[in-house]
Amino acid sequence: MMKNTVLLITAFLISGLAAGQQITDYLLQAKALSESGRPGESVELLSGVIGKIQDARLFTGRAEAKLLGGDFSGAISDFNAANDISGFSGEYGLAKIYALKGDAPTSLYHLELHMKSPYRKSEKEILLDPSFSNIENKPEWRIFWRRDWYTVPEQKTSEVEYYVSVNKTEEAREILSELKRDYPYNNLVYYAGALIALSGKRFSEAVKTLSELLSAEPSNEKYLRVLAKAQTGLSNYAGASDTYTRLLNLGVADAQLLILRAECYRKTGENPRAIADIEKFLTFYPDNKSALSLAGKTEASSGDNLKALEYFSRNLKLHPEDPECYIDRADSYFVSKSWVWAANDYSMSLDLKPDNPDVWLSKGIATLNMGKEDDACHDFRKALSLGNKRAPEYISKYCIK
């Protein structure tokens, strides 16, 4: 059955080749299979595609799946094949494999080649990679990192990224001041400034800076991601969706970009486009709770409440212990004035999380519309005790005789 599934997926993807099916889609499907604990199927999928297309990313993707499945020899072969197609593209993978084997000299030989290549990863990403844990206490590793692999602006910008990520804005500003003093015309300094502007909700400033940076480096993934966040902060959802499209067109193999773009499409009322992105994401991650919830909300906002209920019910079947899934479906029943069904789902949600004041209020309104005024008043008072600000209005109107 599993093999047949892989063959069907492969046939589907290859059939779409004539219509401009992007290599990114194959990589996303393979990644999803590996993440679900099925690296063997990932290898089969990419093997079928590699028979039709020769691309370094396909070989590195298959190598990663083989590595996950414990096939070191096969992974080494694929990383070397990637190098043959696009020089140095497989060096980081080779460095990881030899580190896992405990061979520090060979691992660091390949890591050095990687560091001198266009594919070089950040220092933080390498140091946090668990693949190198077997050699990180060896003298060769310590000697390797004594060398200046990164410029001062690169190192300092990485620090700014970290401080911004943990909401230590003052520390980030101090580093930015140093960078502006010592490297006033370095693009990384402007990028660091945009990050700090974004964290301070100065979205227009961030957009202006990043737009200027992208005019010189239009394919810079890091700049594009931050730009999209700043555009979203400005409620420029059309601009953000365009930026996410640029990232996807660059071949960035991150399925979450589809969800982020779908949320933007939903904000601009482009519901069919939003649903198309969500459904594509669900082909990779069919059980994803957030995606199913977003699909239901998108269908509801477009007026198709029955379709919304299908998504919410599917989500509940997959996640029966999640109170938010009950709330989603209850809200949909509420909009359609199916009061009994709404009250039942709100009750199920409260069984799992009884301290949600908004759900108590909604359940009270549904119960009131069922003609059960005493029960509704109990719910309104419970909502009030938990801090709901609308509860007094309902209590004064329906519960004070």
Protein backbone atom coordinates (compact mmCIF):
# COMPACT_ATOMS: atom_id res chain seq x y z
CA MET A 1 0.00 0.00 0.00
CA MET A 2 2.78 2.46 0.96
CA LYS A 3 4.70 1.71 -2.25
CA ASN A 4 1.56 2.20 -4.34
CA THR A 5 0.97 5.56 -2.65
CA VAL A 6 4.47 6.72 -3.57
CA LEU A 7 4.00 5.57 -7.17
CA LEU A 8 0.70 7.44 -7.42
CA ILE A 9 2.23 10.62 -6.02
CA THR A 10 5.19 10.30 -8.38
CA ALA A 11 2.90 9.76 -11.37
CA PHE A 12 0.82 12.78 -10.37
CA LEU A 13 3.82 15.04 -10.00
CA ILE A 14 5.50 13.91 -13.21
CA SER A 15 2.23 14.33 -15.11
CA GLY A 16 2.26 17.96 -14.05
CA LEU A 17 5.72 18.51 -15.48
CA ALA A 18 4.39 19.68 -18.82
CA ALA A 19 2.31 22.31 -17.02
CA GLY A 20 5.40 23.78 -15.40
CA GLN A 21 5.39 21.75 -12.20
CA GLN A 22 8.18 23.16 -10.08
CA ILE A 23 10.94 21.09 -8.58
CA THR A 24 10.03 22.73 -5.30
CA ASP A 25 6.83 20.67 -5.16
CA TYR A 26 8.76 17.42 -5.37
CA LEU A 27 11.06 18.58 -2.58
CA LEU A 28 8.11 19.63 -0.42
CA GLN A 29 6.40 16.27 -0.87
CA ALA A 30 9.64 14.40 -0.12
CA LYS A 31 10.24 16.53 2.98
CA ALA A 32 6.71 15.88 4.22
CA LEU A 33 7.14 12.12 3.78
CA SER A 34 10.41 12.17 5.71
CA GLU A 35 8.92 14.29 8.49
CA SER A 36 6.09 11.80 8.86
CA GLY A 37 8.61 9.01 9.44
CA ARG A 38 8.60 7.64 5.88
CA PRO A 39 12.06 8.43 4.46
CA GLY A 40 11.94 5.31 2.28
CA GLU A 41 8.92 6.68 0.45
CA SER A 42 10.69 10.01 0.11
CA VAL A 43 13.62 8.25 -1.56
CA GLU A 44 11.27 6.42 -3.93
CA LEU A 45 9.46 9.62 -4.85
CA LEU A 46 12.64 11.54 -5.65
CA SER A 47 14.16 8.58 -7.48
CA GLY A 48 11.20 8.63 -9.85
CA VAL A 49 11.62 12.33 -10.43
CA ILE A 50 15.41 12.13 -10.84
CA GLY A 51 14.78 9.71 -13.68
CA LYS A 52 13.11 12.61 -15.50
CA ILE A 53 15.02 15.65 -14.21
CA GLN A 54 18.65 16.14 -13.24
CA ASP A 55 18.81 18.86 -10.60
CA ALA A 56 21.21 19.24 -7.67
CA ARG A 57 18.37 19.99 -5.23
CA LEU A 58 16.71 16.69 -6.04
CA PHE A 59 19.92 14.81 -5.28
CA THR A 60 20.51 16.66 -2.01
CA GLY A 61 16.87 16.08 -1.07
CA ARG A 62 17.17 12.38 -1.74
CA ALA A 63 20.48 12.31 0.13
CA GLU A 64 18.82 13.84 3.20
CA ALA A 65 16.09 11.18 3.05
CA LYS A 66 18.68 8.42 2.73
CA LEU A 67 20.61 9.92 5.63
CA LEU A 68 17.48 9.91 7.76
CA GLY A 69 16.94 6.27 6.84
CA GLY A 70 20.52 5.38 7.84
CA ASP A 71 21.83 4.82 4.31
CA PHE A 72 25.09 6.74 4.64
CA SER A 73 26.70 5.27 1.51
CA GLY A 74 23.69 6.16 -0.63
CA ALA A 75 23.59 9.66 0.85
CA ILE A 76 27.29 10.22 0.13
CA SER A 77 26.74 9.15 -3.48
CA ASP A 78 23.85 11.59 -3.89
CA PHE A 79 25.67 14.51 -2.29
CA ASN A 80 28.60 13.90 -4.65
CA ALA A 81 26.15 13.76 -7.57
CA ALA A 82 24.78 17.13 -6.47
CA ASN A 83 28.33 18.51 -6.46
CA ASP A 84 28.81 17.31 -10.02
CA ILE A 85 25.72 19.21 -11.16
CA SER A 86 26.21 22.35 -9.07
CA GLY A 87 29.64 22.75 -7.51
CA PHE A 88 29.81 22.61 -3.71
CA SER A 89 26.04 22.13 -3.29
CA GLY A 90 26.55 18.80 -1.53
CA GLU A 91 29.52 19.71 0.67
CA TYR A 92 27.51 20.56 3.78
CA GLY A 93 25.70 17.25 3.58
CA LEU A 94 28.99 15.41 3.26
CA ALA A 95 30.34 17.27 6.28
CA LYS A 96 27.31 16.14 8.29
CA ILE A 97 27.65 12.50 7.28
CA TYR A 98 31.32 12.24 8.21
CA ALA A 99 30.61 14.02 11.49
CA LEU A 100 27.93 11.45 12.27
CA LYS A 101 30.50 8.75 11.51
CA GLY A 102 32.89 10.44 13.96
CA ASP A 103 35.43 11.26 11.23
CA ALA A 104 36.37 14.82 12.19
CA PRO A 105 39.16 15.44 9.61
CA THR A 106 37.00 14.39 6.64
CA SER A 107 33.96 16.22 8.00
CA LEU A 108 35.91 19.45 8.43
CA TYR A 109 37.49 19.08 4.98
CA HIS A 110 34.01 19.17 3.47
CA LEU A 111 32.82 21.86 5.87
CA GLU A 112 35.71 24.09 4.79
CA LEU A 113 34.70 23.65 1.16
CA HIS A 114 31.16 24.56 2.15
CA MET A 115 32.32 27.68 3.99
CA LYS A 116 34.05 28.93 0.85
CA SER A 117 30.99 28.31 -1.32
CA PRO A 118 27.88 30.35 -2.23
CA TYR A 119 25.84 27.85 -0.17
CA ARG A 120 27.49 28.82 3.13
CA LYS A 121 25.15 28.62 6.10
CA SER A 122 25.23 30.96 9.08
CA GLU A 123 27.50 30.24 12.01
CA LYS A 124 24.50 29.81 14.31
CA GLU A 125 22.86 27.28 11.99
CA ILE A 126 26.02 25.16 11.81
CA LEU A 127 26.80 25.29 15.53
CA LEU A 128 23.24 24.27 16.42
CA ASP A 129 23.17 21.39 13.92
CA PRO A 130 23.03 18.15 15.97
CA SER A 131 24.80 16.30 13.15
CA PHE A 132 28.11 17.69 14.42
CA SER A 133 27.64 16.66 18.06
CA ASN A 134 29.97 13.65 17.65
CA ILE A 135 32.95 15.85 16.79
CA GLU A 136 32.27 19.15 18.56
CA ASN A 137 34.49 18.17 21.51
CA LYS A 138 37.40 17.12 19.31
CA PRO A 139 40.45 19.40 18.97
CA GLU A 140 40.03 19.63 15.19
CA TRP A 141 36.60 21.22 15.69
CA ARG A 142 37.93 23.84 18.10
CA ILE A 143 40.84 24.68 15.81
CA PHE A 144 38.47 24.99 12.84
CA TRP A 145 36.35 27.61 14.60
CA ARG A 146 39.35 29.72 15.55
CA ARG A 147 39.49 30.86 11.96
CA ASP A 148 37.57 33.93 10.88
CA TRP A 149 34.95 32.35 8.66
CA TYR A 150 32.56 35.29 9.05
CA THR A 151 33.10 39.02 8.81
CA VAL A 152 32.42 41.26 11.81
CA PRO A 153 29.18 42.61 10.23
CA GLU A 154 28.00 39.02 9.68
CA GLN A 155 28.76 38.08 13.27
CA LYS A 156 27.18 41.21 14.72
CA THR A 157 24.09 40.94 12.52
CA SER A 158 23.63 37.37 13.75
CA GLU A 159 23.68 38.74 17.30
CA VAL A 160 21.05 41.31 16.37
CA GLU A 161 18.87 38.53 14.93
CA TYR A 162 19.17 36.60 18.18
CA TYR A 163 18.39 39.56 20.45
CA VAL A 164 15.40 40.56 18.35
CA SER A 165 14.10 36.96 18.46
CA VAL A 166 14.15 36.99 22.29
CA ASN A 167 12.76 40.56 22.59
CA LYS A 168 16.02 42.07 23.89
CA THR A 169 15.68 45.17 21.73
CA GLU A 170 17.99 47.39 23.76
CA GLU A 171 20.89 44.97 23.36
CA ALA A 172 20.15 44.78 19.63
CA ARG A 173 20.20 48.59 19.36
CA GLU A 174 23.60 48.75 21.08
CA ILE A 175 25.08 46.37 18.52
CA LEU A 176 23.46 48.31 15.69
CA SER A 177 25.10 51.51 16.97
CA GLU A 178 28.50 49.81 16.81
CA LEU A 179 27.82 48.57 13.29
CA LYS A 180 26.70 52.00 12.07
CA ARG A 181 29.85 53.54 13.51
CA ASP A 182 32.30 50.99 12.09
CA TYR A 183 30.54 49.80 8.90
CA PRO A 184 28.17 52.63 7.90
CA TYR A 185 27.63 51.51 4.30
CA ASN A 186 27.38 47.75 4.75
CA ASN A 187 24.04 46.28 3.59
CA LEU A 188 23.96 43.99 6.61
CA VAL A 189 23.85 47.06 8.83
CA TYR A 190 20.75 48.30 7.02
CA TYR A 191 19.23 44.82 7.34
CA ALA A 192 19.92 44.80 11.10
CA GLY A 193 18.23 48.19 11.31
CA ALA A 194 15.19 46.85 9.47
CA LEU A 195 14.95 43.96 11.94
CA ILE A 196 14.95 46.34 14.88
CA ALA A 197 12.42 48.59 13.16
CA LEU A 198 10.16 45.59 12.62
CA SER A 199 10.43 44.54 16.26
CA GLY A 200 9.49 48.09 17.27
CA LYS A 201 6.46 48.03 14.93
CA ARG A 202 7.98 50.73 12.72
CA PHE A 203 6.75 48.82 9.72
CA SER A 204 7.02 51.61 7.13
CA GLU A 205 10.67 52.14 8.00
CA ALA A 206 11.37 48.42 7.69
CA VAL A 207 9.59 48.18 4.33
CA LYS A 208 11.51 51.16 2.93
CA THR A 209 14.89 49.75 4.01
CA LEU A 210 14.20 46.23 2.79
CA SER A 211 12.83 47.44 -0.54
CA GLU A 212 16.07 49.33 -1.13
CA LEU A 213 18.15 46.29 -0.18
CA LEU A 214 16.12 44.06 -2.50
CA SER A 215 16.65 46.41 -5.42
CA ALA A 216 20.30 45.32 -5.27
CA GLU A 217 19.66 41.71 -4.15
CA PRO A 218 16.20 40.75 -5.48
CA SER A 219 16.65 37.06 -4.65
CA ASN A 220 17.75 37.45 -1.03
CA GLU A 221 15.48 35.04 0.88
CA LYS A 222 16.19 36.58 4.27
CA TYR A 223 15.30 40.09 3.12
CA LEU A 224 12.11 38.87 1.44
CA ARG A 225 10.89 37.05 4.54
CA VAL A 226 11.33 40.10 6.75
CA LEU A 227 9.75 42.34 4.10
CA ALA A 228 6.63 40.14 4.06
CA LYS A 229 6.34 40.43 7.85
CA ALA A 230 6.66 44.21 7.69
CA GLN A 231 4.06 44.44 4.93
CA THR A 232 1.71 42.31 7.01
CA GLY A 233 2.30 44.65 9.95
CA LEU A 234 1.16 47.52 7.72
CA SER A 235 -1.93 45.52 6.72
CA ASN A 236 -0.58 45.57 3.17
CA TYR A 237 -1.72 42.01 2.58
CA ALA A 238 -1.61 42.35 -1.21
CA GLY A 239 2.03 43.38 -1.01
CA ALA A 240 2.83 40.56 1.42
CA SER A 241 1.16 37.97 -0.81
CA ASP A 242 3.28 39.22 -3.72
CA THR A 243 6.40 38.86 -1.59
CA TYR A 244 5.50 35.30 -0.60
CA THR A 245 4.94 34.59 -4.29
CA ARG A 246 8.46 35.85 -5.01
CA LEU A 247 9.83 33.46 -2.40
CA LEU A 248 7.91 30.52 -3.83
CA ASN A 249 9.01 31.41 -7.34
CA LEU A 250 12.62 31.37 -6.14
CA GLY A 251 12.12 27.71 -5.28
CA VAL A 252 12.23 28.07 -1.48
CA ALA A 253 11.12 24.64 -0.28
CA ASP A 254 9.05 25.77 2.70
CA ALA A 255 5.41 24.71 2.65
CA GLN A 256 4.59 27.21 5.39
CA LEU A 257 4.92 29.94 2.77
CA LEU A 258 1.70 28.63 1.22
CA ILE A 259 -0.16 29.11 4.50
CA LEU A 260 1.28 32.58 5.00
CA ARG A 261 0.25 33.57 1.49
CA ALA A 262 -3.19 32.01 1.98
CA GLU A 263 -3.73 34.14 5.09
CA CYS A 264 -2.90 37.23 3.02
CA TYR A 265 -5.28 36.18 0.24
CA ARG A 266 -8.01 35.69 2.84
CA LYS A 267 -7.44 39.22 4.13
CA THR A 268 -7.76 40.65 0.61
CA GLY A 269 -10.92 38.64 -0.08
CA GLU A 270 -9.21 36.38 -2.62
CA ASN A 271 -10.73 33.28 -1.09
CA PRO A 272 -10.37 30.92 -4.08
CA ARG A 273 -6.63 31.66 -4.17
CA ALA A 274 -6.41 31.15 -0.42
CA ILE A 275 -8.19 27.79 -0.62
CA ALA A 276 -5.93 26.70 -3.50
CA ASP A 277 -2.83 27.38 -1.38
CA ILE A 278 -4.28 25.65 1.66
CA GLU A 279 -5.32 22.60 -0.33
CA LYS A 280 -1.86 22.38 -1.83
CA PHE A 281 -0.36 22.55 1.66
CA LEU A 282 -2.77 19.81 2.78
CA THR A 283 -1.50 17.50 0.02
CA PHE A 284 1.80 17.60 1.89
CA TYR A 285 0.45 17.71 5.46
CA PRO A 286 -3.14 16.37 5.35
CA ASP A 287 -3.55 16.28 9.14
CA ASN A 288 -2.32 19.79 9.86
CA LYS A 289 -4.66 21.41 12.38
CA SER A 290 -3.85 25.04 11.59
CA ALA A 291 -4.29 24.55 7.84
CA LEU A 292 -7.65 22.81 8.22
CA SER A 293 -8.82 25.54 10.58
CA LEU A 294 -7.74 28.26 8.14
CA ALA A 295 -9.50 26.45 5.29
CA GLY A 296 -12.73 26.33 7.26
CA LYS A 297 -12.53 29.99 8.24
CA THR A 298 -11.79 30.97 4.64
CA GLU A 299 -14.81 29.05 3.34
CA ALA A 300 -16.96 30.60 6.07
CA SER A 301 -15.84 34.11 5.16
CA SER A 302 -16.73 33.40 1.52
CA GLY A 303 -20.24 32.35 2.59
CA ASP A 304 -19.92 28.60 2.11
CA ASN A 305 -20.75 27.47 5.62
CA LEU A 306 -21.36 23.86 4.61
CA LYS A 307 -17.88 23.58 3.16
CA ALA A 308 -16.50 25.27 6.26
CA LEU A 309 -18.23 22.66 8.44
CA GLU A 310 -16.61 19.90 6.36
CA TYR A 311 -13.15 21.24 7.15
CA PHE A 312 -13.95 21.80 10.84
CA SER A 313 -15.44 18.31 11.21
CA ARG A 314 -12.41 16.79 9.51
CA ASN A 315 -10.17 18.68 11.92
CA LEU A 316 -12.16 17.42 14.91
CA LYS A 317 -11.92 13.84 13.72
CA LEU A 318 -8.14 14.20 13.58
CA HIS A 319 -7.80 16.27 16.79
CA PRO A 320 -10.67 15.29 19.11
CA GLU A 321 -8.88 16.52 22.23
CA ASP A 322 -8.27 20.06 20.98
CA PRO A 323 -10.75 22.64 22.34
CA GLU A 324 -10.02 25.10 19.51
CA CYS A 325 -11.29 22.59 16.95
CA TYR A 326 -14.64 22.46 18.76
CA ILE A 327 -14.76 26.26 18.91
CA ASP A 328 -14.17 26.54 15.16
CA ARG A 329 -17.07 24.26 14.36
CA ALA A 330 -19.28 25.79 17.04
CA ASP A 331 -18.70 29.26 15.60
CA SER A 332 -19.73 27.97 12.19
CA TYR A 333 -22.94 26.47 13.60
CA PHE A 334 -23.50 29.75 15.48
CA VAL A 335 -23.35 31.79 12.25
CA SER A 336 -25.90 29.47 10.62
CA LYS A 337 -28.09 29.72 13.77
CA SER A 338 -27.87 25.99 14.43
CA TRP A 339 -28.09 26.74 18.15
CA VAL A 340 -28.25 23.20 19.52
CA TRP A 341 -25.21 22.06 17.55
CA ALA A 342 -23.33 25.22 18.46
CA ALA A 343 -24.08 24.82 22.18
CA ASN A 344 -23.01 21.18 22.08
CA ASP A 345 -19.64 22.01 20.53
CA TYR A 346 -19.07 24.92 22.89
CA SER A 347 -19.79 22.54 25.78
CA MET A 348 -17.26 20.02 24.45
CA SER A 349 -14.67 22.79 24.20
CA LEU A 350 -15.35 23.85 27.79
CA ASP A 351 -15.00 20.28 29.01
CA LEU A 352 -11.44 20.43 27.70
CA LYS A 353 -10.70 24.06 28.65
CA PRO A 354 -13.24 25.42 31.14
CA ASP A 355 -11.61 28.84 31.69
CA ASN A 356 -12.41 30.41 28.31
CA PRO A 357 -14.71 33.40 29.00
CA ASP A 358 -15.57 34.02 25.34
CA VAL A 359 -16.78 30.45 24.86
CA TRP A 360 -18.99 30.70 27.95
CA LEU A 361 -20.58 33.84 26.48
CA SER A 362 -21.12 32.26 23.05
CA LYS A 363 -22.57 29.15 24.63
CA GLY A 364 -24.90 31.37 26.66
CA ILE A 365 -26.13 33.17 23.54
CA ALA A 366 -26.74 29.87 21.76
CA THR A 367 -28.54 28.49 24.82
CA LEU A 368 -30.64 31.64 25.08
CA ASN A 369 -31.76 31.19 21.48
CA MET A 370 -32.80 27.64 22.38
CA GLY A 371 -35.23 29.15 24.91
CA LYS A 372 -33.24 28.04 27.98
CA GLU A 373 -32.93 31.37 29.74
CA ASP A 374 -31.83 30.05 33.16
CA ASP A 375 -29.05 27.96 31.64
CA ALA A 376 -28.01 30.92 29.49
CA CYS A 377 -27.80 33.17 32.57
CA HIS A 378 -25.55 30.62 34.26
CA ASP A 379 -23.23 30.81 31.23
CA PHE A 380 -23.29 34.62 31.17
CA ARG A 381 -22.37 34.80 34.87
CA LYS A 382 -19.57 32.31 34.31
CA ALA A 383 -18.29 34.43 31.43
CA LEU A 384 -18.39 37.50 33.68
CA SER A 385 -16.48 35.76 36.48
CA LEU A 386 -13.74 34.92 33.98
CA GLY A 387 -13.46 38.50 32.74
CA ASN A 388 -15.62 38.73 29.61
CA LYS A 389 -16.48 42.41 29.08
CA ARG A 390 -19.69 41.79 27.12
CA ALA A 391 -21.26 39.55 29.75
CA PRO A 392 -22.76 42.40 31.89
CA GLU A 393 -24.83 43.54 28.91
CA TYR A 394 -26.48 40.13 28.59
CA ILE A 395 -26.89 39.69 32.34
CA SER A 396 -28.65 43.05 32.74
CA LYS A 397 -30.92 42.35 29.80
CA TYR A 398 -31.91 38.75 30.43
CA CYS A 399 -30.97 37.76 33.96
CA ILE A 400 -32.15 40.60 36.25
CA LYS A 401 -35.84 40.28 36.98
